[in-house]
Amino acid sequence: MLDSKAILETTVKAADGKRAENIVALDMEKVSLLADYFVIMNADSKRQVDAIADEIIEQNEKNGVEIHHVEGQRAAEWVLIDLGDVVVNVFQTDQRKFYNLEKLWSEADVVEIEQWVEA
């Protein structure tokens, strides 16, 4: 069983591999009991949002991570993937700006993920 940091790493690498933009990981430990990490990212098209979500699910399943719930994949405007200790939000760019989750969770610390993302 992977710990939440390993699930976060798998998720970030999978998203980056499908060219997700502006990937942000928030450490929710002090802010919420829902999850250890919240991950937020965006892409410009429904097709790309869907591809990113599929890759995140596939890579985590390969590592034996239980996918608790996936919501919004049909519309592919905001896909929520519940990996237990890691909750992933894949937005279309305008939807991300509209919901502004970073502001909602502004008390959470940002996790350094640069080492998992190709420059």
PDB file of N, CA and C in Angstrom:
ATOM      1  N   MET A   1       0.843  -1.192   0.000  1.00  0.00           N
ATOM      2  CA  MET A   1       0.000   0.000   0.000  1.00  0.00           C
ATOM      3  C   MET A   1       0.883   1.249   0.000  1.00  0.00           C
ATOM      4  N   LEU A   2       0.674   2.110  -0.974  1.00  0.00           N
ATOM      5  CA  LEU A   2       1.465   3.331  -1.082  1.00  0.00           C
ATOM      6  C   LEU A   2       1.011   4.363  -0.056  1.00  0.00           C
ATOM      7  N   ASP A   3       1.958   5.150   0.446  1.00  0.00           N
ATOM      8  CA  ASP A   3       1.560   6.242   1.327  1.00  0.00           C
ATOM      9  C   ASP A   3       1.090   7.422   0.476  1.00  0.00           C
ATOM     10  N   SER A   4       0.496   8.403   1.124  1.00  0.00           N
ATOM     11  CA  SER A   4      -0.119   9.502   0.381  1.00  0.00           C
ATOM     12  C   SER A   4       0.892  10.300  -0.431  1.00  0.00           C
ATOM     13  N   LYS A   5       2.130  10.424   0.055  1.00  0.00           N
ATOM     14  CA  LYS A   5       3.164  11.157  -0.691  1.00  0.00           C
ATOM     15  C   LYS A   5       3.503  10.422  -1.996  1.00  0.00           C
ATOM     16  N   ALA A   6       3.557   9.088  -1.949  1.00  0.00           N
ATOM     17  CA  ALA A   6       3.835   8.295  -3.155  1.00  0.00           C
ATOM     18  C   ALA A   6       2.674   8.389  -4.143  1.00  0.00           C
ATOM     19  N   ILE A   7       1.451   8.408  -3.638  1.00  0.00           N
ATOM     20  CA  ILE A   7       0.275   8.576  -4.508  1.00  0.00           C
ATOM     21  C   ILE A   7       0.324   9.959  -5.156  1.00  0.00           C
ATOM     22  N   LEU A   8       0.708  10.963  -4.379  1.00  0.00           N
ATOM     23  CA  LEU A   8       0.846  12.321  -4.912  1.00  0.00           C
ATOM     24  C   LEU A   8       1.881  12.349  -6.032  1.00  0.00           C
ATOM     25  N   GLU A   9       3.016  11.721  -5.804  1.00  0.00           N
ATOM     26  CA  GLU A   9       4.069  11.701  -6.827  1.00  0.00           C
ATOM     27  C   GLU A   9       3.591  11.019  -8.107  1.00  0.00           C
ATOM     28  N   THR A  10       2.943   9.864  -7.975  1.00  0.00           N
ATOM     29  CA  THR A  10       2.409   9.149  -9.137  1.00  0.00           C
ATOM     30  C   THR A  10       1.428  10.036  -9.905  1.00  0.00           C
ATOM     31  N   THR A  11       0.576  10.723  -9.164  1.00  0.00           N
ATOM     32  CA  THR A  11      -0.453  11.577  -9.761  1.00  0.00           C
ATOM     33  C   THR A  11       0.162  12.745 -10.519  1.00  0.00           C
ATOM     34  N   VAL A  12       1.123  13.414  -9.903  1.00  0.00           N
ATOM     35  CA  VAL A  12       1.765  14.571 -10.538  1.00  0.00           C
ATOM     36  C   VAL A  12       2.509  14.147 -11.798  1.00  0.00           C
ATOM     37  N   LYS A  13       3.243  13.041 -11.717  1.00  0.00           N
ATOM     38  CA  LYS A  13       3.989  12.561 -12.889  1.00  0.00           C
ATOM     39  C   LYS A  13       3.040  12.155 -14.025  1.00  0.00           C
ATOM     40  N   ALA A  14       1.940  11.496 -13.685  1.00  0.00           N
ATOM     41  CA  ALA A  14       0.970  11.085 -14.707  1.00  0.00           C
ATOM     42  C   ALA A  14       0.359  12.314 -15.377  1.00  0.00           C
ATOM     43  N   ALA A  15      -0.012  13.299 -14.572  1.00  0.00           N
ATOM     44  CA  ALA A  15      -0.624  14.525 -15.110  1.00  0.00           C
ATOM     45  C   ALA A  15       0.367  15.275 -15.995  1.00  0.00           C
ATOM     46  N   ASP A  16       1.598  15.385 -15.519  1.00  0.00           N
ATOM     47  CA  ASP A  16       2.629  16.082 -16.279  1.00  0.00           C
ATOM     48  C   ASP A  16       2.908  15.369 -17.601  1.00  0.00           C
ATOM     49  N   GLY A  17       2.864  14.046 -17.571  1.00  0.00           N
ATOM     50  CA  GLY A  17       3.089  13.262 -18.786  1.00  0.00           C
ATOM     51  C   GLY A  17       2.032  13.494 -19.855  1.00  0.00           C
ATOM     52  N   LYS A  18       0.866  13.940 -19.430  1.00  0.00           N
ATOM     53  CA  LYS A  18      -0.213  14.257 -20.383  1.00  0.00           C
ATOM     54  C   LYS A  18      -0.368  15.771 -20.556  1.00  0.00           C
ATOM     55  N   ARG A  19       0.674  16.506 -20.174  1.00  0.00           N
ATOM     56  CA  ARG A  19       0.756  17.958 -20.370  1.00  0.00           C
ATOM     57  C   ARG A  19      -0.289  18.767 -19.599  1.00  0.00           C
ATOM     58  N   ALA A  20      -0.587  18.338 -18.389  1.00  0.00           N
ATOM     59  CA  ALA A  20      -1.447  19.166 -17.529  1.00  0.00           C
ATOM     60  C   ALA A  20      -0.703  20.463 -17.239  1.00  0.00           C
ATOM     61  N   GLU A  21      -1.453  21.540 -17.084  1.00  0.00           N
ATOM     62  CA  GLU A  21      -0.845  22.851 -16.845  1.00  0.00           C
ATOM     63  C   GLU A  21      -1.069  23.290 -15.408  1.00  0.00           C
ATOM     64  N   ASN A  22      -0.132  24.081 -14.906  1.00  0.00           N
ATOM     65  CA  ASN A  22      -0.262  24.718 -13.585  1.00  0.00           C
ATOM     66  C   ASN A  22      -0.643  23.724 -12.492  1.00  0.00           C
ATOM     67  N   ILE A  23       0.127  22.659 -12.376  1.00  0.00           N
ATOM     68  CA  ILE A  23      -0.165  21.649 -11.350  1.00  0.00           C
ATOM     69  C   ILE A  23       0.220  22.213  -9.984  1.00  0.00           C
ATOM     70  N   VAL A  24      -0.737  22.204  -9.073  1.00  0.00           N
ATOM     71  CA  VAL A  24      -0.500  22.681  -7.715  1.00  0.00           C
ATOM     72  C   VAL A  24      -0.935  21.576  -6.754  1.00  0.00           C
ATOM     73  N   ALA A  25      -0.080  21.274  -5.784  1.00  0.00           N
ATOM     74  CA  ALA A  25      -0.427  20.303  -4.743  1.00  0.00           C
ATOM     75  C   ALA A  25      -0.474  21.045  -3.417  1.00  0.00           C
ATOM     76  N   LEU A  26      -1.561  20.848  -2.682  1.00  0.00           N
ATOM     77  CA  LEU A  26      -1.745  21.505  -1.391  1.00  0.00           C
ATOM     78  C   LEU A  26      -1.699  20.474  -0.280  1.00  0.00           C
ATOM     79  N   ASP A  27      -0.960  20.784   0.769  1.00  0.00           N
ATOM     80  CA  ASP A  27      -0.885  19.926   1.950  1.00  0.00           C
ATOM     81  C   ASP A  27      -2.073  20.281   2.833  1.00  0.00           C
ATOM     82  N   MET A  28      -3.036  19.366   2.938  1.00  0.00           N
ATOM     83  CA  MET A  28      -4.300  19.655   3.611  1.00  0.00           C
ATOM     84  C   MET A  28      -4.302  19.255   5.087  1.00  0.00           C
ATOM     85  N   GLU A  29      -3.169  18.750   5.574  1.00  0.00           N
ATOM     86  CA  GLU A  29      -3.099  18.190   6.922  1.00  0.00           C
ATOM     87  C   GLU A  29      -3.650  19.128   8.001  1.00  0.00           C
ATOM     88  N   LYS A  30      -3.268  20.405   7.958  1.00  0.00           N
ATOM     89  CA  LYS A  30      -3.699  21.352   8.994  1.00  0.00           C
ATOM     90  C   LYS A  30      -5.051  21.979   8.694  1.00  0.00           C
ATOM     91  N   VAL A  31      -5.561  21.762   7.483  1.00  0.00           N
ATOM     92  CA  VAL A  31      -6.726  22.504   7.014  1.00  0.00           C
ATOM     93  C   VAL A  31      -7.998  21.668   6.928  1.00  0.00           C
ATOM     94  N   SER A  32      -7.862  20.384   6.605  1.00  0.00           N
ATOM     95  CA  SER A  32      -9.041  19.561   6.343  1.00  0.00           C
ATOM     96  C   SER A  32      -8.786  18.107   6.728  1.00  0.00           C
ATOM     97  N   LEU A  33      -9.821  17.447   7.161  1.00  0.00           N
ATOM     98  CA  LEU A  33      -9.726  16.026   7.472  1.00  0.00           C
ATOM     99  C   LEU A  33     -10.025  15.167   6.247  1.00  0.00           C
ATOM    100  N   LEU A  34     -10.444  15.800   5.154  1.00  0.00           N
ATOM    101  CA  LEU A  34     -10.858  15.067   3.958  1.00  0.00           C
ATOM    102  C   LEU A  34      -9.724  14.278   3.311  1.00  0.00           C
ATOM    103  N   ALA A  35      -8.538  14.875   3.259  1.00  0.00           N
ATOM    104  CA  ALA A  35      -7.440  14.243   2.538  1.00  0.00           C
ATOM    105  C   ALA A  35      -6.122  14.832   3.020  1.00  0.00           C
ATOM    106  N   ASP A  36      -5.026  14.109   2.721  1.00  0.00           N
ATOM    107  CA  ASP A  36      -3.696  14.637   3.023  1.00  0.00           C
ATOM    108  C   ASP A  36      -3.294  15.697   1.998  1.00  0.00           C
ATOM    109  N   TYR A  37      -3.643  15.433   0.727  1.00  0.00           N
ATOM    110  CA  TYR A  37      -3.260  16.346  -0.350  1.00  0.00           C
ATOM    111  C   TYR A  37      -4.434  16.616  -1.280  1.00  0.00           C
ATOM    112  N   PHE A  38      -4.500  17.835  -1.769  1.00  0.00           N
ATOM    113  CA  PHE A  38      -5.400  18.236  -2.838  1.00  0.00           C
ATOM    114  C   PHE A  38      -4.503  18.588  -4.013  1.00  0.00           C
ATOM    115  N   VAL A  39      -4.817  18.096  -5.188  1.00  0.00           N
ATOM    116  CA  VAL A  39      -4.041  18.424  -6.375  1.00  0.00           C
ATOM    117  C   VAL A  39      -4.985  19.116  -7.355  1.00  0.00           C
ATOM    118  N   ILE A  40      -4.511  20.230  -7.907  1.00  0.00           N
ATOM    119  CA  ILE A  40      -5.318  21.022  -8.830  1.00  0.00           C
ATOM    120  C   ILE A  40      -4.485  21.254 -10.086  1.00  0.00           C
ATOM    121  N   MET A  41      -5.130  21.108 -11.239  1.00  0.00           N
ATOM    122  CA  MET A  41      -4.439  21.314 -12.519  1.00  0.00           C
ATOM    123  C   MET A  41      -5.471  21.674 -13.572  1.00  0.00           C
ATOM    124  N   ASN A  42      -5.003  22.096 -14.733  1.00  0.00           N
ATOM    125  CA  ASN A  42      -5.942  22.408 -15.800  1.00  0.00           C
ATOM    126  C   ASN A  42      -5.374  22.045 -17.171  1.00  0.00           C
ATOM    127  N   ALA A  43      -6.286  22.044 -18.151  1.00  0.00           N
ATOM    128  CA  ALA A  43      -5.943  21.810 -19.549  1.00  0.00           C
ATOM    129  C   ALA A  43      -6.946  22.613 -20.383  1.00  0.00           C
ATOM    130  N   ASP A  44      -6.617  22.837 -21.647  1.00  0.00           N
ATOM    131  CA  ASP A  44      -7.444  23.727 -22.465  1.00  0.00           C
ATOM    132  C   ASP A  44      -8.646  23.077 -23.139  1.00  0.00           C
ATOM    133  N   SER A  45      -8.648  21.742 -23.266  1.00  0.00           N
ATOM    134  CA  SER A  45      -9.765  21.114 -23.976  1.00  0.00           C
ATOM    135  C   SER A  45     -10.355  19.967 -23.160  1.00  0.00           C
ATOM    136  N   LYS A  46     -11.597  19.637 -23.470  1.00  0.00           N
ATOM    137  CA  LYS A  46     -12.252  18.496 -22.806  1.00  0.00           C
ATOM    138  C   LYS A  46     -11.472  17.215 -23.063  1.00  0.00           C
ATOM    139  N   ARG A  47     -10.997  17.061 -24.281  1.00  0.00           N
ATOM    140  CA  ARG A  47     -10.255  15.854 -24.651  1.00  0.00           C
ATOM    141  C   ARG A  47      -8.995  15.715 -23.792  1.00  0.00           C
ATOM    142  N   GLN A  48      -8.298  16.831 -23.579  1.00  0.00           N
ATOM    143  CA  GLN A  48      -7.074  16.769 -22.777  1.00  0.00           C
ATOM    144  C   GLN A  48      -7.393  16.525 -21.299  1.00  0.00           C
ATOM    145  N   VAL A  49      -8.442  17.167 -20.778  1.00  0.00           N
ATOM    146  CA  VAL A  49      -8.860  16.931 -19.390  1.00  0.00           C
ATOM    147  C   VAL A  49      -9.147  15.445 -19.199  1.00  0.00           C
ATOM    148  N   ASP A  50      -9.867  14.867 -20.143  1.00  0.00           N
ATOM    149  CA  ASP A  50     -10.220  13.455 -20.081  1.00  0.00           C
ATOM    150  C   ASP A  50      -8.969  12.567 -20.133  1.00  0.00           C
ATOM    151  N   ALA A  51      -8.038  12.910 -21.012  1.00  0.00           N
ATOM    152  CA  ALA A  51      -6.801  12.119 -21.151  1.00  0.00           C
ATOM    153  C   ALA A  51      -5.970  12.189 -19.869  1.00  0.00           C
ATOM    154  N   ILE A  52      -5.901  13.359 -19.260  1.00  0.00           N
ATOM    155  CA  ILE A  52      -5.148  13.520 -18.010  1.00  0.00           C
ATOM    156  C   ILE A  52      -5.792  12.676 -16.911  1.00  0.00           C
ATOM    157  N   ALA A  53      -7.113  12.788 -16.785  1.00  0.00           N
ATOM    158  CA  ALA A  53      -7.829  12.016 -15.756  1.00  0.00           C
ATOM    159  C   ALA A  53      -7.620  10.518 -15.961  1.00  0.00           C
ATOM    160  N   ASP A  54      -7.727  10.050 -17.203  1.00  0.00           N
ATOM    161  CA  ASP A  54      -7.523   8.626 -17.502  1.00  0.00           C
ATOM    162  C   ASP A  54      -6.126   8.171 -17.097  1.00  0.00           C
ATOM    163  N   GLU A  55      -5.120   8.984 -17.396  1.00  0.00           N
ATOM    164  CA  GLU A  55      -3.735   8.623 -17.089  1.00  0.00           C
ATOM    165  C   GLU A  55      -3.500   8.574 -15.577  1.00  0.00           C
ATOM    166  N   ILE A  56      -4.065   9.521 -14.857  1.00  0.00           N
ATOM    167  CA  ILE A  56      -3.927   9.529 -13.396  1.00  0.00           C
ATOM    168  C   ILE A  56      -4.557   8.267 -12.801  1.00  0.00           C
ATOM    169  N   ILE A  57      -5.737   7.918 -13.274  1.00  0.00           N
ATOM    170  CA  ILE A  57      -6.432   6.717 -12.790  1.00  0.00           C
ATOM    171  C   ILE A  57      -5.617   5.466 -13.132  1.00  0.00           C
ATOM    172  N   GLU A  58      -5.176   5.379 -14.391  1.00  0.00           N
ATOM    173  CA  GLU A  58      -4.448   4.197 -14.842  1.00  0.00           C
ATOM    174  C   GLU A  58      -3.140   3.997 -14.063  1.00  0.00           C
ATOM    175  N   GLN A  59      -2.359   5.058 -13.887  1.00  0.00           N
ATOM    176  CA  GLN A  59      -1.072   4.935 -13.193  1.00  0.00           C
ATOM    177  C   GLN A  59      -1.258   4.576 -11.720  1.00  0.00           C
ATOM    178  N   ASN A  60      -2.288   5.132 -11.089  1.00  0.00           N
ATOM    179  CA  ASN A  60      -2.534   4.804  -9.690  1.00  0.00           C
ATOM    180  C   ASN A  60      -3.046   3.370  -9.540  1.00  0.00           C
ATOM    181  N   GLU A  61      -3.909   2.939 -10.458  1.00  0.00           N
ATOM    182  CA  GLU A  61      -4.389   1.546 -10.422  1.00  0.00           C
ATOM    183  C   GLU A  61      -3.219   0.574 -10.583  1.00  0.00           C
ATOM    184  N   LYS A  62      -2.280   0.899 -11.487  1.00  0.00           N
ATOM    185  CA  LYS A  62      -1.090   0.060 -11.698  1.00  0.00           C
ATOM    186  C   LYS A  62      -0.314  -0.130 -10.399  1.00  0.00           C
ATOM    187  N   ASN A  63      -0.332   0.913  -9.556  1.00  0.00           N
ATOM    188  CA  ASN A  63       0.389   0.860  -8.278  1.00  0.00           C
ATOM    189  C   ASN A  63      -0.461   0.315  -7.141  1.00  0.00           C
ATOM    190  N   GLY A  64      -1.655  -0.193  -7.477  1.00  0.00           N
ATOM    191  CA  GLY A  64      -2.503  -0.808  -6.464  1.00  0.00           C
ATOM    192  C   GLY A  64      -3.292   0.173  -5.616  1.00  0.00           C
ATOM    193  N   VAL A  65      -3.398   1.408  -6.079  1.00  0.00           N
ATOM    194  CA  VAL A  65      -4.158   2.423  -5.339  1.00  0.00           C
ATOM    195  C   VAL A  65      -5.639   2.264  -5.666  1.00  0.00           C
ATOM    196  N   GLU A  66      -6.459   2.254  -4.635  1.00  0.00           N
ATOM    197  CA  GLU A  66      -7.899   2.151  -4.846  1.00  0.00           C
ATOM    198  C   GLU A  66      -8.443   3.502  -5.306  1.00  0.00           C
ATOM    199  N   ILE A  67      -9.209   3.471  -6.391  1.00  0.00           N
ATOM    200  CA  ILE A  67      -9.864   4.678  -6.881  1.00  0.00           C
ATOM    201  C   ILE A  67     -11.236   4.700  -6.207  1.00  0.00           C
ATOM    202  N   HIS A  68     -11.409   5.570  -5.234  1.00  0.00           N
ATOM    203  CA  HIS A  68     -12.650   5.582  -4.466  1.00  0.00           C
ATOM    204  C   HIS A  68     -13.831   6.117  -5.267  1.00  0.00           C
ATOM    205  N   HIS A  69     -13.580   7.169  -6.050  1.00  0.00           N
ATOM    206  CA  HIS A  69     -14.688   7.781  -6.782  1.00  0.00           C
ATOM    207  C   HIS A  69     -14.130   8.684  -7.877  1.00  0.00           C
ATOM    208  N   VAL A  70     -14.821   8.715  -9.007  1.00  0.00           N
ATOM    209  CA  VAL A  70     -14.483   9.655 -10.084  1.00  0.00           C
ATOM    210  C   VAL A  70     -15.774  10.351 -10.471  1.00  0.00           C
ATOM    211  N   GLU A  71     -15.716  11.662 -10.538  1.00  0.00           N
ATOM    212  CA  GLU A  71     -16.910  12.432 -10.851  1.00  0.00           C
ATOM    213  C   GLU A  71     -16.607  13.431 -11.963  1.00  0.00           C
ATOM    214  N   GLY A  72     -17.547  13.605 -12.887  1.00  0.00           N
ATOM    215  CA  GLY A  72     -17.436  14.649 -13.899  1.00  0.00           C
ATOM    216  C   GLY A  72     -16.690  14.258 -15.154  1.00  0.00           C
ATOM    217  N   GLN A  73     -16.329  12.982 -15.288  1.00  0.00           N
ATOM    218  CA  GLN A  73     -15.504  12.614 -16.438  1.00  0.00           C
ATOM    219  C   GLN A  73     -16.263  12.704 -17.758  1.00  0.00           C
ATOM    220  N   ARG A  74     -17.549  12.480 -17.720  1.00  0.00           N
ATOM    221  CA  ARG A  74     -18.313  12.552 -18.965  1.00  0.00           C
ATOM    222  C   ARG A  74     -18.302  13.962 -19.547  1.00  0.00           C
ATOM    223  N   ALA A  75     -18.528  14.972 -18.708  1.00  0.00           N
ATOM    224  CA  ALA A  75     -18.526  16.362 -19.173  1.00  0.00           C
ATOM    225  C   ALA A  75     -17.105  16.870 -19.406  1.00  0.00           C
ATOM    226  N   ALA A  76     -16.154  16.352 -18.627  1.00  0.00           N
ATOM    227  CA  ALA A  76     -14.732  16.700 -18.754  1.00  0.00           C
ATOM    228  C   ALA A  76     -14.477  18.201 -18.655  1.00  0.00           C
ATOM    229  N   GLU A  77     -15.226  18.872 -17.786  1.00  0.00           N
ATOM    230  CA  GLU A  77     -14.953  20.282 -17.501  1.00  0.00           C
ATOM    231  C   GLU A  77     -14.241  20.400 -16.158  1.00  0.00           C
ATOM    232  N   TRP A  78     -14.636  19.539 -15.226  1.00  0.00           N
ATOM    233  CA  TRP A  78     -13.983  19.442 -13.917  1.00  0.00           C
ATOM    234  C   TRP A  78     -14.113  17.987 -13.492  1.00  0.00           C
ATOM    235  N   VAL A  79     -12.999  17.283 -13.523  1.00  0.00           N
ATOM    236  CA  VAL A  79     -13.006  15.882 -13.119  1.00  0.00           C
ATOM    237  C   VAL A  79     -12.390  15.785 -11.726  1.00  0.00           C
ATOM    238  N   LEU A  80     -13.137  15.176 -10.823  1.00  0.00           N
ATOM    239  CA  LEU A  80     -12.675  14.979  -9.456  1.00  0.00           C
ATOM    240  C   LEU A  80     -12.348  13.502  -9.294  1.00  0.00           C
ATOM    241  N   ILE A  81     -11.128  13.220  -8.854  1.00  0.00           N
ATOM    242  CA  ILE A  81     -10.690  11.838  -8.651  1.00  0.00           C
ATOM    243  C   ILE A  81     -10.327  11.675  -7.179  1.00  0.00           C
ATOM    244  N   ASP A  82     -11.053  10.800  -6.498  1.00  0.00           N
ATOM    245  CA  ASP A  82     -10.816  10.558  -5.076  1.00  0.00           C
ATOM    246  C   ASP A  82      -9.940   9.317  -4.931  1.00  0.00           C
ATOM    247  N   LEU A  83      -8.698   9.546  -4.528  1.00  0.00           N
ATOM    248  CA  LEU A  83      -7.755   8.453  -4.323  1.00  0.00           C
ATOM    249  C   LEU A  83      -7.559   8.182  -2.835  1.00  0.00           C
ATOM    250  N   GLY A  84      -8.543   8.564  -2.037  1.00  0.00           N
ATOM    251  CA  GLY A  84      -8.436   8.385  -0.593  1.00  0.00           C
ATOM    252  C   GLY A  84      -7.730   9.559   0.044  1.00  0.00           C
ATOM    253  N   ASP A  85      -6.430   9.404   0.304  1.00  0.00           N
ATOM    254  CA  ASP A  85      -5.663  10.471   0.944  1.00  0.00           C
ATOM    255  C   ASP A  85      -5.262  11.588  -0.011  1.00  0.00           C
ATOM    256  N   VAL A  86      -5.488  11.366  -1.299  1.00  0.00           N
ATOM    257  CA  VAL A  86      -5.177  12.380  -2.315  1.00  0.00           C
ATOM    258  C   VAL A  86      -6.437  12.613  -3.141  1.00  0.00           C
ATOM    259  N   VAL A  87      -6.851  13.875  -3.221  1.00  0.00           N
ATOM    260  CA  VAL A  87      -8.016  14.235  -4.035  1.00  0.00           C
ATOM    261  C   VAL A  87      -7.523  15.097  -5.190  1.00  0.00           C
ATOM    262  N   VAL A  88      -7.871  14.688  -6.408  1.00  0.00           N
ATOM    263  CA  VAL A  88      -7.356  15.335  -7.610  1.00  0.00           C
ATOM    264  C   VAL A  88      -8.477  16.079  -8.330  1.00  0.00           C
ATOM    265  N   ASN A  89      -8.190  17.312  -8.741  1.00  0.00           N
ATOM    266  CA  ASN A  89      -9.126  18.136  -9.503  1.00  0.00           C
ATOM    267  C   ASN A  89      -8.485  18.485 -10.831  1.00  0.00           C
ATOM    268  N   VAL A  90      -9.081  17.994 -11.931  1.00  0.00           N
ATOM    269  CA  VAL A  90      -8.583  18.311 -13.272  1.00  0.00           C
ATOM    270  C   VAL A  90      -9.630  19.202 -13.927  1.00  0.00           C
ATOM    271  N   PHE A  91      -9.255  20.438 -14.174  1.00  0.00           N
ATOM    272  CA  PHE A  91     -10.196  21.431 -14.709  1.00  0.00           C
ATOM    273  C   PHE A  91      -9.897  21.771 -16.152  1.00  0.00           C
ATOM    274  N   GLN A  92     -10.945  22.219 -16.869  1.00  0.00           N
ATOM    275  CA  GLN A  92     -10.706  23.005 -18.064  1.00  0.00           C
ATOM    276  C   GLN A  92     -10.312  24.390 -17.552  1.00  0.00           C
ATOM    277  N   THR A  93      -9.478  25.089 -18.282  1.00  0.00           N
ATOM    278  CA  THR A  93      -8.872  26.329 -17.806  1.00  0.00           C
ATOM    279  C   THR A  93      -9.889  27.332 -17.259  1.00  0.00           C
ATOM    280  N   ASP A  94     -11.000  27.607 -17.988  1.00  0.00           N
ATOM    281  CA  ASP A  94     -11.963  28.625 -17.495  1.00  0.00           C
ATOM    282  C   ASP A  94     -12.671  28.148 -16.238  1.00  0.00           C
ATOM    283  N   GLN A  95     -12.943  26.855 -16.139  1.00  0.00           N
ATOM    284  CA  GLN A  95     -13.589  26.316 -14.941  1.00  0.00           C
ATOM    285  C   GLN A  95     -12.682  26.485 -13.728  1.00  0.00           C
ATOM    286  N   ARG A  96     -11.394  26.278 -13.929  1.00  0.00           N
ATOM    287  CA  ARG A  96     -10.456  26.440 -12.810  1.00  0.00           C
ATOM    288  C   ARG A  96     -10.458  27.881 -12.309  1.00  0.00           C
ATOM    289  N   LYS A  97     -10.438  28.822 -13.248  1.00  0.00           N
ATOM    290  CA  LYS A  97     -10.461  30.239 -12.856  1.00  0.00           C
ATOM    291  C   LYS A  97     -11.754  30.557 -12.109  1.00  0.00           C
ATOM    292  N   PHE A  98     -12.861  30.005 -12.591  1.00  0.00           N
ATOM    293  CA  PHE A  98     -14.166  30.276 -11.981  1.00  0.00           C
ATOM    294  C   PHE A  98     -14.245  29.756 -10.545  1.00  0.00           C
ATOM    295  N   TYR A  99     -13.843  28.512 -10.324  1.00  0.00           N
ATOM    296  CA  TYR A  99     -13.976  27.908  -8.991  1.00  0.00           C
ATOM    297  C   TYR A  99     -12.859  28.322  -8.025  1.00  0.00           C
ATOM    298  N   ASN A 100     -11.680  28.651  -8.563  1.00  0.00           N
ATOM    299  CA  ASN A 100     -10.577  29.189  -7.777  1.00  0.00           C
ATOM    300  C   ASN A 100     -10.349  28.436  -6.455  1.00  0.00           C
ATOM    301  N   LEU A 101     -10.149  27.138  -6.536  1.00  0.00           N
ATOM    302  CA  LEU A 101      -9.965  26.318  -5.339  1.00  0.00           C
ATOM    303  C   LEU A 101      -8.740  26.719  -4.524  1.00  0.00           C
ATOM    304  N   GLU A 102      -7.706  27.222  -5.198  1.00  0.00           N
ATOM    305  CA  GLU A 102      -6.516  27.656  -4.454  1.00  0.00           C
ATOM    306  C   GLU A 102      -6.881  28.728  -3.430  1.00  0.00           C
ATOM    307  N   LYS A 103      -7.793  29.626  -3.817  1.00  0.00           N
ATOM    308  CA  LYS A 103      -8.203  30.682  -2.883  1.00  0.00           C
ATOM    309  C   LYS A 103      -9.026  30.077  -1.746  1.00  0.00           C
ATOM    310  N   LEU A 104      -9.900  29.155  -2.081  1.00  0.00           N
ATOM    311  CA  LEU A 104     -10.737  28.496  -1.078  1.00  0.00           C
ATOM    312  C   LEU A 104      -9.879  27.792  -0.021  1.00  0.00           C
ATOM    313  N   TRP A 105      -8.798  27.175  -0.469  1.00  0.00           N
ATOM    314  CA  TRP A 105      -7.910  26.438   0.436  1.00  0.00           C
ATOM    315  C   TRP A 105      -6.610  27.197   0.666  1.00  0.00           C
ATOM    316  N   SER A 106      -6.667  28.512   0.713  1.00  0.00           N
ATOM    317  CA  SER A 106      -5.452  29.336   0.793  1.00  0.00           C
ATOM    318  C   SER A 106      -4.646  29.119   2.073  1.00  0.00           C
ATOM    319  N   GLU A 107      -5.266  28.551   3.110  1.00  0.00           N
ATOM    320  CA  GLU A 107      -4.529  28.285   4.355  1.00  0.00           C
ATOM    321  C   GLU A 107      -3.610  27.072   4.232  1.00  0.00           C
ATOM    322  N   ALA A 108      -3.819  26.276   3.208  1.00  0.00           N
ATOM    323  CA  ALA A 108      -3.005  25.064   3.028  1.00  0.00           C
ATOM    324  C   ALA A 108      -1.629  25.433   2.473  1.00  0.00           C
ATOM    325  N   ASP A 109      -0.610  24.706   2.917  1.00  0.00           N
ATOM    326  CA  ASP A 109       0.738  24.911   2.391  1.00  0.00           C
ATOM    327  C   ASP A 109       0.844  24.281   1.005  1.00  0.00           C
ATOM    328  N   VAL A 110       1.589  24.946   0.127  1.00  0.00           N
ATOM    329  CA  VAL A 110       1.845  24.403  -1.206  1.00  0.00           C
ATOM    330  C   VAL A 110       2.993  23.403  -1.096  1.00  0.00           C
ATOM    331  N   VAL A 111       2.822  22.242  -1.722  1.00  0.00           N
ATOM    332  CA  VAL A 111       3.837  21.186  -1.697  1.00  0.00           C
ATOM    333  C   VAL A 111       4.787  21.398  -2.874  1.00  0.00           C
ATOM    334  N   GLU A 112       6.075  21.275  -2.615  1.00  0.00           N
ATOM    335  CA  GLU A 112       7.066  21.373  -3.690  1.00  0.00           C
ATOM    336  C   GLU A 112       6.962  20.127  -4.567  1.00  0.00           C
ATOM    337  N   ILE A 113       6.625  20.314  -5.844  1.00  0.00           N
ATOM    338  CA  ILE A 113       6.484  19.160  -6.746  1.00  0.00           C
ATOM    339  C   ILE A 113       7.399  19.278  -7.968  1.00  0.00           C
ATOM    340  N   GLU A 114       8.238  20.322  -7.992  1.00  0.00           N
ATOM    341  CA  GLU A 114       9.075  20.585  -9.169  1.00  0.00           C
ATOM    342  C   GLU A 114       9.923  19.387  -9.585  1.00  0.00           C
ATOM    343  N   GLN A 115      10.370  18.591  -8.603  1.00  0.00           N
ATOM    344  CA  GLN A 115      11.233  17.452  -8.925  1.00  0.00           C
ATOM    345  C   GLN A 115      10.482  16.369  -9.701  1.00  0.00           C
ATOM    346  N   TRP A 116       9.155  16.428  -9.723  1.00  0.00           N
ATOM    347  CA  TRP A 116       8.371  15.412 -10.437  1.00  0.00           C
ATOM    348  C   TRP A 116       7.855  15.910 -11.782  1.00  0.00           C
ATOM    349  N   VAL A 117       8.125  17.174 -12.085  1.00  0.00           N
ATOM    350  CA  VAL A 117       7.573  17.789 -13.299  1.00  0.00           C
ATOM    351  C   VAL A 117       8.722  18.125 -14.248  1.00  0.00           C
ATOM    352  N   GLU A 118       8.542  17.786 -15.518  1.00  0.00           N
ATOM    353  CA  GLU A 118       9.576  18.116 -16.499  1.00  0.00           C
ATOM    354  C   GLU A 118       9.475  19.589 -16.865  1.00  0.00           C
ATOM    355  N   ALA A 119      10.612  20.255 -16.876  1.00  0.00           N
ATOM    356  CA  ALA A 119      10.646  21.707 -17.164  1.00  0.00           C
ATOM    357  C   ALA A 119      10.395  21.988 -18.623  1.00  0.00           C
TER     358      ALA A 119
END
